[in-house]
Amino acid sequence: QVQLVESGGGLVQPGGSLRLSCVSSVSNLRIYVANWYRQAPGKQRELVATITRDGSTVYADSVRGRFTISRDTAKNTVALQMNNLIPEDTAVYYCNTYSYWGQGTQVTVSS
């Protein structure tokens, strides 16, 4: 059963931008602490960005300065704004909070 639902993935050219969104499909599941992970073909899943309960953010070195994680408490959503995308960002991106995961959304960066 899908507990988080991601959207916003797609095909974009290098240098382009995408905004991923994640919403809970479980009633009473409030998103306060959240992570975005990604998994490229043949590679392990890696942590990309985290937002904590107090709003602090942490980023992987590979995306710092290009990606921004944010949370809308009123809408109970988490977003990942991705700018200046490069081919190495190509992966399936997953939203996670506590033990809940989404099904993933494909991001492909290619010319």
C-alpha atoms as a PDB file:
ATOM      1  CA  GLN A   1       0.000   0.000   0.000  1.00  0.00           C
ATOM      2  CA  VAL A   2       1.387   3.338  -1.067  1.00  0.00           C
ATOM      3  CA  GLN A   3       1.655   5.649   1.899  1.00  0.00           C
ATOM      4  CA  LEU A   4       3.298   8.665   0.303  1.00  0.00           C
ATOM      5  CA  VAL A   5       2.670   9.844  -3.244  1.00  0.00           C
ATOM      6  CA  GLU A   6       5.340  11.638  -5.243  1.00  0.00           C
ATOM      7  CA  SER A   7       4.779  13.685  -8.372  1.00  0.00           C
ATOM      8  CA  GLY A   8       6.644  16.099 -10.609  1.00  0.00           C
ATOM      9  CA  GLY A   9       9.231  13.856 -12.223  1.00  0.00           C
ATOM     10  CA  GLY A  10       9.939  13.828 -15.935  1.00  0.00           C
ATOM     11  CA  LEU A  11      12.456  14.408 -18.691  1.00  0.00           C
ATOM     12  CA  VAL A  12      14.459  17.624 -18.606  1.00  0.00           C
ATOM     13  CA  GLN A  13      17.507  18.932 -20.416  1.00  0.00           C
ATOM     14  CA  PRO A  14      20.762  19.596 -18.577  1.00  0.00           C
ATOM     15  CA  GLY A  15      20.568  22.926 -16.801  1.00  0.00           C
ATOM     16  CA  GLY A  16      16.823  22.654 -16.420  1.00  0.00           C
ATOM     17  CA  SER A  17      14.645  22.493 -13.322  1.00  0.00           C
ATOM     18  CA  LEU A  18      12.011  20.231 -11.841  1.00  0.00           C
ATOM     19  CA  ARG A  19       9.956  20.424  -8.679  1.00  0.00           C
ATOM     20  CA  LEU A  20       9.010  17.187  -6.949  1.00  0.00           C
ATOM     21  CA  SER A  21       6.134  17.038  -4.514  1.00  0.00           C
ATOM     22  CA  CYS A  22       5.190  14.469  -1.890  1.00  0.00           C
ATOM     23  CA  VAL A  23       1.855  14.119  -0.112  1.00  0.00           C
ATOM     24  CA  SER A  24       0.637  11.627   2.449  1.00  0.00           C
ATOM     25  CA  SER A  25      -2.115   9.209   1.482  1.00  0.00           C
ATOM     26  CA  VAL A  26      -2.464   8.012   5.062  1.00  0.00           C
ATOM     27  CA  SER A  27      -4.934   9.786   7.268  1.00  0.00           C
ATOM     28  CA  ASN A  28      -3.459  11.341  10.378  1.00  0.00           C
ATOM     29  CA  LEU A  29       0.081  11.030   9.039  1.00  0.00           C
ATOM     30  CA  ARG A  30       1.613  14.428   9.539  1.00  0.00           C
ATOM     31  CA  ILE A  31       4.842  15.124   7.694  1.00  0.00           C
ATOM     32  CA  TYR A  32       7.302  16.927   9.934  1.00  0.00           C
ATOM     33  CA  VAL A  33      10.604  15.165   9.337  1.00  0.00           C
ATOM     34  CA  ALA A  34      11.110  14.089   5.736  1.00  0.00           C
ATOM     35  CA  ASN A  35      13.773  12.869   3.376  1.00  0.00           C
ATOM     36  CA  TRP A  36      14.221  12.652  -0.352  1.00  0.00           C
ATOM     37  CA  TYR A  37      16.251   9.699  -1.603  1.00  0.00           C
ATOM     38  CA  ARG A  38      17.218   8.709  -5.110  1.00  0.00           C
ATOM     39  CA  GLN A  39      18.325   5.518  -6.783  1.00  0.00           C
ATOM     40  CA  ALA A  40      20.056   5.400 -10.130  1.00  0.00           C
ATOM     41  CA  PRO A  41      20.231   2.178 -12.181  1.00  0.00           C
ATOM     42  CA  GLY A  42      22.800  -0.195 -10.746  1.00  0.00           C
ATOM     43  CA  LYS A  43      23.454   2.013  -7.722  1.00  0.00           C
ATOM     44  CA  GLN A  44      22.397   2.011  -4.103  1.00  0.00           C
ATOM     45  CA  ARG A  45      19.689   4.312  -2.858  1.00  0.00           C
ATOM     46  CA  GLU A  46      21.234   7.524  -1.551  1.00  0.00           C
ATOM     47  CA  LEU A  47      19.964  10.254   0.724  1.00  0.00           C
ATOM     48  CA  VAL A  48      19.626  13.534  -1.147  1.00  0.00           C
ATOM     49  CA  ALA A  49      18.000  15.954   1.291  1.00  0.00           C
ATOM     50  CA  THR A  50      16.445  16.080   4.750  1.00  0.00           C
ATOM     51  CA  ILE A  51      14.199  18.541   6.504  1.00  0.00           C
ATOM     52  CA  THR A  52      13.892  18.283  10.278  1.00  0.00           C
ATOM     53  CA  ARG A  53      11.030  19.116  12.604  1.00  0.00           C
ATOM     54  CA  ASP A  54      12.415  22.589  13.279  1.00  0.00           C
ATOM     55  CA  GLY A  55      12.876  23.254   9.571  1.00  0.00           C
ATOM     56  CA  SER A  56      16.605  22.695   9.374  1.00  0.00           C
ATOM     57  CA  THR A  57      17.822  21.197   6.121  1.00  0.00           C
ATOM     58  CA  VAL A  58      20.697  18.922   5.179  1.00  0.00           C
ATOM     59  CA  TYR A  59      21.889  18.082   1.679  1.00  0.00           C
ATOM     60  CA  ALA A  60      24.185  15.595   0.011  1.00  0.00           C
ATOM     61  CA  ASP A  61      27.357  17.214  -1.279  1.00  0.00           C
ATOM     62  CA  SER A  62      26.373  16.349  -4.833  1.00  0.00           C
ATOM     63  CA  VAL A  63      23.210  18.486  -4.750  1.00  0.00           C
ATOM     64  CA  ARG A  64      23.993  21.239  -2.251  1.00  0.00           C
ATOM     65  CA  GLY A  65      23.407  24.635  -3.822  1.00  0.00           C
ATOM     66  CA  ARG A  66      21.201  23.194  -6.564  1.00  0.00           C
ATOM     67  CA  PHE A  67      18.400  21.434  -4.669  1.00  0.00           C
ATOM     68  CA  THR A  68      16.080  22.839  -2.014  1.00  0.00           C
ATOM     69  CA  ILE A  69      13.817  20.803   0.242  1.00  0.00           C
ATOM     70  CA  SER A  70      10.805  22.499   1.763  1.00  0.00           C
ATOM     71  CA  ARG A  71       7.699  21.651   3.743  1.00  0.00           C
ATOM     72  CA  ASP A  72       4.186  23.049   3.706  1.00  0.00           C
ATOM     73  CA  THR A  73       2.697  22.108   7.044  1.00  0.00           C
ATOM     74  CA  ALA A  74      -0.766  23.380   6.168  1.00  0.00           C
ATOM     75  CA  LYS A  75      -0.931  21.243   3.037  1.00  0.00           C
ATOM     76  CA  ASN A  76       1.028  18.397   4.648  1.00  0.00           C
ATOM     77  CA  THR A  77       3.390  18.196   1.692  1.00  0.00           C
ATOM     78  CA  VAL A  78       7.114  18.143   1.120  1.00  0.00           C
ATOM     79  CA  ALA A  79       8.784  19.425  -2.021  1.00  0.00           C
ATOM     80  CA  LEU A  80      12.186  19.153  -3.650  1.00  0.00           C
ATOM     81  CA  GLN A  81      13.092  21.991  -5.983  1.00  0.00           C
ATOM     82  CA  MET A  82      15.855  20.858  -8.320  1.00  0.00           C
ATOM     83  CA  ASN A  83      17.745  23.447 -10.359  1.00  0.00           C
ATOM     84  CA  ASN A  84      20.690  23.270 -12.723  1.00  0.00           C
ATOM     85  CA  LEU A  85      20.092  19.574 -13.253  1.00  0.00           C
ATOM     86  CA  ILE A  86      22.872  17.410 -14.632  1.00  0.00           C
ATOM     87  CA  PRO A  87      22.738  13.922 -16.201  1.00  0.00           C
ATOM     88  CA  GLU A  88      24.096  12.417 -12.975  1.00  0.00           C
ATOM     89  CA  ASP A  89      20.857  13.468 -11.273  1.00  0.00           C
ATOM     90  CA  THR A  90      18.970  10.896 -13.335  1.00  0.00           C
ATOM     91  CA  ALA A  91      17.314   8.480 -10.918  1.00  0.00           C
ATOM     92  CA  VAL A  92      14.069   7.431  -9.321  1.00  0.00           C
ATOM     93  CA  TYR A  93      13.368   9.857  -6.482  1.00  0.00           C
ATOM     94  CA  TYR A  94      11.615   8.670  -3.321  1.00  0.00           C
ATOM     95  CA  CYS A  95       9.965  10.567  -0.510  1.00  0.00           C
ATOM     96  CA  ASN A  96      10.284   9.169   3.020  1.00  0.00           C
ATOM     97  CA  THR A  97       9.000  10.098   6.464  1.00  0.00           C
ATOM     98  CA  TYR A  98       9.564   7.780   9.431  1.00  0.00           C
ATOM     99  CA  SER A  99       8.816   4.275   8.065  1.00  0.00           C
ATOM    100  CA  TYR A 100       6.622   5.501   5.215  1.00  0.00           C
ATOM    101  CA  TRP A 101       7.753   5.555   1.595  1.00  0.00           C
ATOM    102  CA  GLY A 102       6.407   6.608  -1.748  1.00  0.00           C
ATOM    103  CA  GLN A 103       6.474   4.609  -4.960  1.00  0.00           C
ATOM    104  CA  GLY A 104       9.049   6.899  -6.540  1.00  0.00           C
ATOM    105  CA  THR A 105       9.049   9.291  -9.457  1.00  0.00           C
ATOM    106  CA  GLN A 106      11.454   9.084 -12.387  1.00  0.00           C
ATOM    107  CA  VAL A 107      13.725  12.029 -13.142  1.00  0.00           C
ATOM    108  CA  THR A 108      15.698  11.867 -16.379  1.00  0.00           C
ATOM    109  CA  VAL A 109      18.202  14.558 -17.311  1.00  0.00           C
ATOM    110  CA  SER A 110      19.232  14.238 -20.926  1.00  0.00           C
ATOM    111  CA  SER A 111      19.666  16.291 -24.056  1.00  0.00           C
END
